Amino acid sequence: PVALRDRALLEVLYSTGARISEAVGLD
């Protein structure tokens, strides 16, 4: 679970240019 979450998080950060605060703020 943690590995899949981490991969998704990094992919979203690079794909969208989101700030880390914006990424963790996603619902």
PDB file of all heavy atoms in Angstrom:
ATOM      1  N   PRO A   1       0.803  -1.232   0.000  1.00  0.00           N
ATOM      2  CA  PRO A   1       0.000   0.000   0.000  1.00  0.00           C
ATOM      3  C   PRO A   1       0.835   1.280   0.000  1.00  0.00           C
ATOM      4  O   PRO A   1       0.538   2.217  -0.748  1.00  0.00           O
ATOM      5  CB  PRO A   1      -0.827  -0.125   1.283  1.00  0.00           C
ATOM      6  CG  PRO A   1      -0.905  -1.585   1.549  1.00  0.00           C
ATOM      7  CD  PRO A   1       0.406  -2.143   1.082  1.00  0.00           C
ATOM      8  N   VAL A   2       1.865   1.314   0.824  1.00  0.00           N
ATOM      9  CA  VAL A   2       2.679   2.522   0.919  1.00  0.00           C
ATOM     10  C   VAL A   2       3.459   2.751  -0.371  1.00  0.00           C
ATOM     11  O   VAL A   2       3.565   3.885  -0.863  1.00  0.00           O
ATOM     12  CB  VAL A   2       3.638   2.440   2.129  1.00  0.00           C
ATOM     13  CG1 VAL A   2       4.632   3.601   2.104  1.00  0.00           C
ATOM     14  CG2 VAL A   2       2.848   2.459   3.430  1.00  0.00           C
ATOM     15  N   ALA A   3       4.005   1.685  -0.946  1.00  0.00           N
ATOM     16  CA  ALA A   3       4.773   1.819  -2.187  1.00  0.00           C
ATOM     17  C   ALA A   3       3.884   2.315  -3.322  1.00  0.00           C
ATOM     18  O   ALA A   3       4.289   3.189  -4.111  1.00  0.00           O
ATOM     19  CB  ALA A   3       5.412   0.483  -2.552  1.00  0.00           C
ATOM     20  N   LEU A   4       2.675   1.778  -3.427  1.00  0.00           N
ATOM     21  CA  LEU A   4       1.747   2.225  -4.473  1.00  0.00           C
ATOM     22  C   LEU A   4       1.341   3.679  -4.265  1.00  0.00           C
ATOM     23  O   LEU A   4       1.216   4.446  -5.225  1.00  0.00           O
ATOM     24  CB  LEU A   4       0.506   1.329  -4.480  1.00  0.00           C
ATOM     25  CG  LEU A   4       0.716  -0.107  -4.981  1.00  0.00           C
ATOM     26  CD1 LEU A   4      -0.535  -0.935  -4.726  1.00  0.00           C
ATOM     27  CD2 LEU A   4       1.092  -0.121  -6.450  1.00  0.00           C
ATOM     28  N   ARG A   5       1.141   4.062  -3.016  1.00  0.00           N
ATOM     29  CA  ARG A   5       0.806   5.463  -2.717  1.00  0.00           C
ATOM     30  C   ARG A   5       1.954   6.380  -3.097  1.00  0.00           C
ATOM     31  O   ARG A   5       1.755   7.441  -3.713  1.00  0.00           O
ATOM     32  CB  ARG A   5       0.489   5.624  -1.229  1.00  0.00           C
ATOM     33  CG  ARG A   5       0.109   7.051  -0.816  1.00  0.00           C
ATOM     34  CD  ARG A   5       0.381   7.282   0.646  1.00  0.00           C
ATOM     35  NE  ARG A   5       1.800   7.168   0.965  1.00  0.00           N
ATOM     36  CZ  ARG A   5       2.290   7.056   2.201  1.00  0.00           C
ATOM     37  NH1 ARG A   5       1.460   7.001   3.225  1.00  0.00           N
ATOM     38  NH2 ARG A   5       3.606   6.986   2.405  1.00  0.00           N
ATOM     39  N   ASP A   6       3.159   5.999  -2.734  1.00  0.00           N
ATOM     40  CA  ASP A   6       4.311   6.852  -2.994  1.00  0.00           C
ATOM     41  C   ASP A   6       4.528   7.040  -4.488  1.00  0.00           C
ATOM     42  O   ASP A   6       4.841   8.148  -4.951  1.00  0.00           O
ATOM     43  CB  ASP A   6       5.568   6.266  -2.347  1.00  0.00           C
ATOM     44  CG  ASP A   6       5.511   6.291  -0.827  1.00  0.00           C
ATOM     45  OD1 ASP A   6       4.571   6.911  -0.287  1.00  0.00           O
ATOM     46  OD2 ASP A   6       6.406   5.703  -0.188  1.00  0.00           O
ATOM     47  N   ARG A   7       4.381   5.973  -5.258  1.00  0.00           N
ATOM     48  CA  ARG A   7       4.538   6.084  -6.706  1.00  0.00           C
ATOM     49  C   ARG A   7       3.470   7.018  -7.282  1.00  0.00           C
ATOM     50  O   ARG A   7       3.763   7.875  -8.124  1.00  0.00           O
ATOM     51  CB  ARG A   7       4.433   4.697  -7.356  1.00  0.00           C
ATOM     52  CG  ARG A   7       4.444   4.695  -8.896  1.00  0.00           C
ATOM     53  CD  ARG A   7       5.765   5.228  -9.453  1.00  0.00           C
ATOM     54  NE  ARG A   7       5.749   5.326 -10.885  1.00  0.00           N
ATOM     55  CZ  ARG A   7       6.362   4.459 -11.697  1.00  0.00           C
ATOM     56  NH1 ARG A   7       7.014   3.413 -11.199  1.00  0.00           N
ATOM     57  NH2 ARG A   7       6.343   4.639 -13.005  1.00  0.00           N
ATOM     58  N   ALA A   8       2.232   6.882  -6.834  1.00  0.00           N
ATOM     59  CA  ALA A   8       1.154   7.746  -7.313  1.00  0.00           C
ATOM     60  C   ALA A   8       1.422   9.201  -6.957  1.00  0.00           C
ATOM     61  O   ALA A   8       1.209  10.113  -7.775  1.00  0.00           O
ATOM     62  CB  ALA A   8      -0.182   7.296  -6.721  1.00  0.00           C
ATOM     63  N   LEU A   9       1.906   9.437  -5.743  1.00  0.00           N
ATOM     64  CA  LEU A   9       2.203  10.801  -5.305  1.00  0.00           C
ATOM     65  C   LEU A   9       3.268  11.442  -6.181  1.00  0.00           C
ATOM     66  O   LEU A   9       3.111  12.582  -6.653  1.00  0.00           O
ATOM     67  CB  LEU A   9       2.657  10.792  -3.845  1.00  0.00           C
ATOM     68  CG  LEU A   9       3.171  12.122  -3.283  1.00  0.00           C
ATOM     69  CD1 LEU A   9       2.053  13.161  -3.247  1.00  0.00           C
ATOM     70  CD2 LEU A   9       3.760  11.922  -1.886  1.00  0.00           C
ATOM     71  N   LEU A  10       4.360  10.737  -6.430  1.00  0.00           N
ATOM     72  CA  LEU A  10       5.453  11.292  -7.235  1.00  0.00           C
ATOM     73  C   LEU A  10       5.006  11.523  -8.677  1.00  0.00           C
ATOM     74  O   LEU A  10       5.370  12.530  -9.296  1.00  0.00           O
ATOM     75  CB  LEU A  10       6.660  10.359  -7.198  1.00  0.00           C
ATOM     76  CG  LEU A  10       7.310  10.164  -5.827  1.00  0.00           C
ATOM     77  CD1 LEU A  10       8.537   9.264  -5.937  1.00  0.00           C
ATOM     78  CD2 LEU A  10       7.689  11.500  -5.197  1.00  0.00           C
ATOM     79  N   GLU A  11       4.217  10.596  -9.210  1.00  0.00           N
ATOM     80  CA  GLU A  11       3.714  10.770 -10.572  1.00  0.00           C
ATOM     81  C   GLU A  11       2.833  12.019 -10.672  1.00  0.00           C
ATOM     82  O   GLU A  11       2.929  12.785 -11.634  1.00  0.00           O
ATOM     83  CB  GLU A  11       2.921   9.534 -10.999  1.00  0.00           C
ATOM     84  CG  GLU A  11       3.762   8.303 -11.294  1.00  0.00           C
ATOM     85  CD  GLU A  11       4.374   8.313 -12.698  1.00  0.00           C
ATOM     86  OE1 GLU A  11       4.282   9.357 -13.376  1.00  0.00           O
ATOM     87  OE2 GLU A  11       4.951   7.282 -13.080  1.00  0.00           O
ATOM     88  N   VAL A  12       1.992  12.243  -9.679  1.00  0.00           N
ATOM     89  CA  VAL A  12       1.117  13.417  -9.685  1.00  0.00           C
ATOM     90  C   VAL A  12       1.932  14.702  -9.571  1.00  0.00           C
ATOM     91  O   VAL A  12       1.670  15.690 -10.268  1.00  0.00           O
ATOM     92  CB  VAL A  12       0.074  13.327  -8.548  1.00  0.00           C
ATOM     93  CG1 VAL A  12      -0.621  14.675  -8.326  1.00  0.00           C
ATOM     94  CG2 VAL A  12      -0.951  12.257  -8.865  1.00  0.00           C
ATOM     95  N   LEU A  13       2.927  14.710  -8.712  1.00  0.00           N
ATOM     96  CA  LEU A  13       3.766  15.894  -8.545  1.00  0.00           C
ATOM     97  C   LEU A  13       4.440  16.285  -9.857  1.00  0.00           C
ATOM     98  O   LEU A  13       4.457  17.460 -10.241  1.00  0.00           O
ATOM     99  CB  LEU A  13       4.819  15.648  -7.466  1.00  0.00           C
ATOM    100  CG  LEU A  13       4.337  15.649  -6.011  1.00  0.00           C
ATOM    101  CD1 LEU A  13       5.430  15.139  -5.079  1.00  0.00           C
ATOM    102  CD2 LEU A  13       3.882  17.038  -5.588  1.00  0.00           C
ATOM    103  N   TYR A  14       4.992  15.299 -10.551  1.00  0.00           N
ATOM    104  CA  TYR A  14       5.693  15.599 -11.795  1.00  0.00           C
ATOM    105  C   TYR A  14       4.733  15.881 -12.948  1.00  0.00           C
ATOM    106  O   TYR A  14       4.997  16.731 -13.798  1.00  0.00           O
ATOM    107  CB  TYR A  14       6.615  14.438 -12.172  1.00  0.00           C
ATOM    108  CG  TYR A  14       7.385  14.671 -13.454  1.00  0.00           C
ATOM    109  CD1 TYR A  14       8.191  15.797 -13.624  1.00  0.00           C
ATOM    110  CD2 TYR A  14       7.299  13.759 -14.509  1.00  0.00           C
ATOM    111  CE1 TYR A  14       8.890  16.009 -14.798  1.00  0.00           C
ATOM    112  CE2 TYR A  14       8.004  13.960 -15.686  1.00  0.00           C
ATOM    113  CZ  TYR A  14       8.800  15.089 -15.831  1.00  0.00           C
ATOM    114  OH  TYR A  14       9.489  15.290 -17.001  1.00  0.00           O
ATOM    115  N   SER A  15       3.603  15.193 -12.973  1.00  0.00           N
ATOM    116  CA  SER A  15       2.659  15.357 -14.067  1.00  0.00           C
ATOM    117  C   SER A  15       1.924  16.688 -14.026  1.00  0.00           C
ATOM    118  O   SER A  15       1.549  17.222 -15.073  1.00  0.00           O
ATOM    119  CB  SER A  15       1.637  14.210 -14.050  1.00  0.00           C
ATOM    120  OG  SER A  15       0.730  14.323 -15.112  1.00  0.00           O
ATOM    121  N   THR A  16       1.710  17.232 -12.836  1.00  0.00           N
ATOM    122  CA  THR A  16       0.895  18.446 -12.689  1.00  0.00           C
ATOM    123  C   THR A  16       1.676  19.687 -12.275  1.00  0.00           C
ATOM    124  O   THR A  16       1.157  20.794 -12.373  1.00  0.00           O
ATOM    125  CB  THR A  16      -0.217  18.219 -11.649  1.00  0.00           C
ATOM    126  OG1 THR A  16       0.385  18.021 -10.355  1.00  0.00           O
ATOM    127  CG2 THR A  16      -1.059  17.004 -12.000  1.00  0.00           C
ATOM    128  N   GLY A  17       2.895  19.508 -11.789  1.00  0.00           N
ATOM    129  CA  GLY A  17       3.645  20.663 -11.285  1.00  0.00           C
ATOM    130  C   GLY A  17       3.086  21.185  -9.977  1.00  0.00           C
ATOM    131  O   GLY A  17       3.355  22.329  -9.590  1.00  0.00           O
ATOM    132  N   ALA A  18       2.330  20.366  -9.272  1.00  0.00           N
ATOM    133  CA  ALA A  18       1.717  20.799  -8.013  1.00  0.00           C
ATOM    134  C   ALA A  18       2.774  21.018  -6.935  1.00  0.00           C
ATOM    135  O   ALA A  18       3.809  20.335  -6.911  1.00  0.00           O
ATOM    136  CB  ALA A  18       0.716  19.749  -7.533  1.00  0.00           C
ATOM    137  N   ARG A  19       2.525  21.986  -6.082  1.00  0.00           N
ATOM    138  CA  ARG A  19       3.314  22.097  -4.865  1.00  0.00           C
ATOM    139  C   ARG A  19       2.989  20.885  -3.991  1.00  0.00           C
ATOM    140  O   ARG A  19       1.892  20.312  -4.093  1.00  0.00           O
ATOM    141  CB  ARG A  19       2.957  23.382  -4.110  1.00  0.00           C
ATOM    142  CG  ARG A  19       3.165  24.669  -4.907  1.00  0.00           C
ATOM    143  CD  ARG A  19       2.636  25.873  -4.130  1.00  0.00           C
ATOM    144  NE  ARG A  19       2.853  27.122  -4.844  1.00  0.00           N
ATOM    145  CZ  ARG A  19       1.971  27.672  -5.686  1.00  0.00           C
ATOM    146  NH1 ARG A  19       0.812  27.062  -5.897  1.00  0.00           N
ATOM    147  NH2 ARG A  19       2.232  28.807  -6.290  1.00  0.00           N
ATOM    148  N   ILE A  20       3.920  20.518  -3.122  1.00  0.00           N
ATOM    149  CA  ILE A  20       3.652  19.378  -2.251  1.00  0.00           C
ATOM    150  C   ILE A  20       2.408  19.632  -1.402  1.00  0.00           C
ATOM    151  O   ILE A  20       1.577  18.731  -1.204  1.00  0.00           O
ATOM    152  CB  ILE A  20       4.876  19.070  -1.364  1.00  0.00           C
ATOM    153  CG1 ILE A  20       5.886  18.238  -2.155  1.00  0.00           C
ATOM    154  CG2 ILE A  20       4.486  18.341  -0.089  1.00  0.00           C
ATOM    155  CD1 ILE A  20       7.052  17.707  -1.358  1.00  0.00           C
ATOM    156  N   SER A  21       2.242  20.868  -0.934  1.00  0.00           N
ATOM    157  CA  SER A  21       1.061  21.185  -0.127  1.00  0.00           C
ATOM    158  C   SER A  21      -0.224  21.006  -0.930  1.00  0.00           C
ATOM    159  O   SER A  21      -1.259  20.611  -0.392  1.00  0.00           O
ATOM    160  CB  SER A  21       1.152  22.617   0.402  1.00  0.00           C
ATOM    161  OG  SER A  21       1.250  23.544  -0.670  1.00  0.00           O
ATOM    162  N   GLU A  22      -0.169  21.305  -2.232  1.00  0.00           N
ATOM    163  CA  GLU A  22      -1.347  21.137  -3.081  1.00  0.00           C
ATOM    164  C   GLU A  22      -1.642  19.660  -3.325  1.00  0.00           C
ATOM    165  O   GLU A  22      -2.798  19.253  -3.368  1.00  0.00           O
ATOM    166  CB  GLU A  22      -1.129  21.854  -4.412  1.00  0.00           C
ATOM    167  CG  GLU A  22      -1.040  23.370  -4.272  1.00  0.00           C
ATOM    168  CD  GLU A  22      -0.626  24.067  -5.547  1.00  0.00           C
ATOM    169  OE1 GLU A  22      -0.063  23.385  -6.441  1.00  0.00           O
ATOM    170  OE2 GLU A  22      -0.844  25.282  -5.659  1.00  0.00           O
ATOM    171  N   ALA A  23      -0.587  18.859  -3.491  1.00  0.00           N
ATOM    172  CA  ALA A  23      -0.774  17.431  -3.744  1.00  0.00           C
ATOM    173  C   ALA A  23      -1.390  16.734  -2.532  1.00  0.00           C
ATOM    174  O   ALA A  23      -2.345  15.962  -2.667  1.00  0.00           O
ATOM    175  CB  ALA A  23       0.554  16.778  -4.115  1.00  0.00           C
ATOM    176  N   VAL A  24      -0.851  17.009  -1.339  1.00  0.00           N
ATOM    177  CA  VAL A  24      -1.407  16.349  -0.151  1.00  0.00           C
ATOM    178  C   VAL A  24      -2.769  16.932   0.218  1.00  0.00           C
ATOM    179  O   VAL A  24      -3.531  16.330   0.972  1.00  0.00           O
ATOM    180  CB  VAL A  24      -0.440  16.445   1.055  1.00  0.00           C
ATOM    181  CG1 VAL A  24       0.875  15.746   0.751  1.00  0.00           C
ATOM    182  CG2 VAL A  24      -0.200  17.897   1.468  1.00  0.00           C
ATOM    183  N   GLY A  25      -3.086  18.111  -0.320  1.00  0.00           N
ATOM    184  CA  GLY A  25      -4.394  18.715  -0.065  1.00  0.00           C
ATOM    185  C   GLY A  25      -5.488  18.189  -0.975  1.00  0.00           C
ATOM    186  O   GLY A  25      -6.657  18.566  -0.812  1.00  0.00           O
ATOM    187  N   LEU A  26      -5.140  17.332  -1.923  1.00  0.00           N
ATOM    188  CA  LEU A  26      -6.129  16.786  -2.844  1.00  0.00           C
ATOM    189  C   LEU A  26      -7.103  15.853  -2.129  1.00  0.00           C
ATOM    190  O   LEU A  26      -6.701  15.049  -1.285  1.00  0.00           O
ATOM    191  CB  LEU A  26      -5.439  16.013  -3.966  1.00  0.00           C
ATOM    192  CG  LEU A  26      -4.706  16.828  -5.044  1.00  0.00           C
ATOM    193  CD1 LEU A  26      -3.937  15.894  -5.962  1.00  0.00           C
ATOM    194  CD2 LEU A  26      -5.703  17.672  -5.834  1.00  0.00           C
ATOM    195  N   ASP A  27      -8.356  15.962  -2.513  1.00  0.00           N
ATOM    196  CA  ASP A  27      -9.361  14.982  -2.107  1.00  0.00           C
ATOM    197  C   ASP A  27      -9.601  14.039  -3.283  1.00  0.00           C
ATOM    198  O   ASP A  27      -9.276  14.369  -4.438  1.00  0.00           O
ATOM    199  CB  ASP A  27     -10.664  15.668  -1.715  1.00  0.00           C
ATOM    200  CG  ASP A  27     -10.549  16.420  -0.396  1.00  0.00           C
ATOM    201  OD1 ASP A  27      -9.621  16.113   0.378  1.00  0.00           O
ATOM    202  OD2 ASP A  27     -11.374  17.323  -0.159  1.00  0.00           O
TER     203      ASP A  27
END
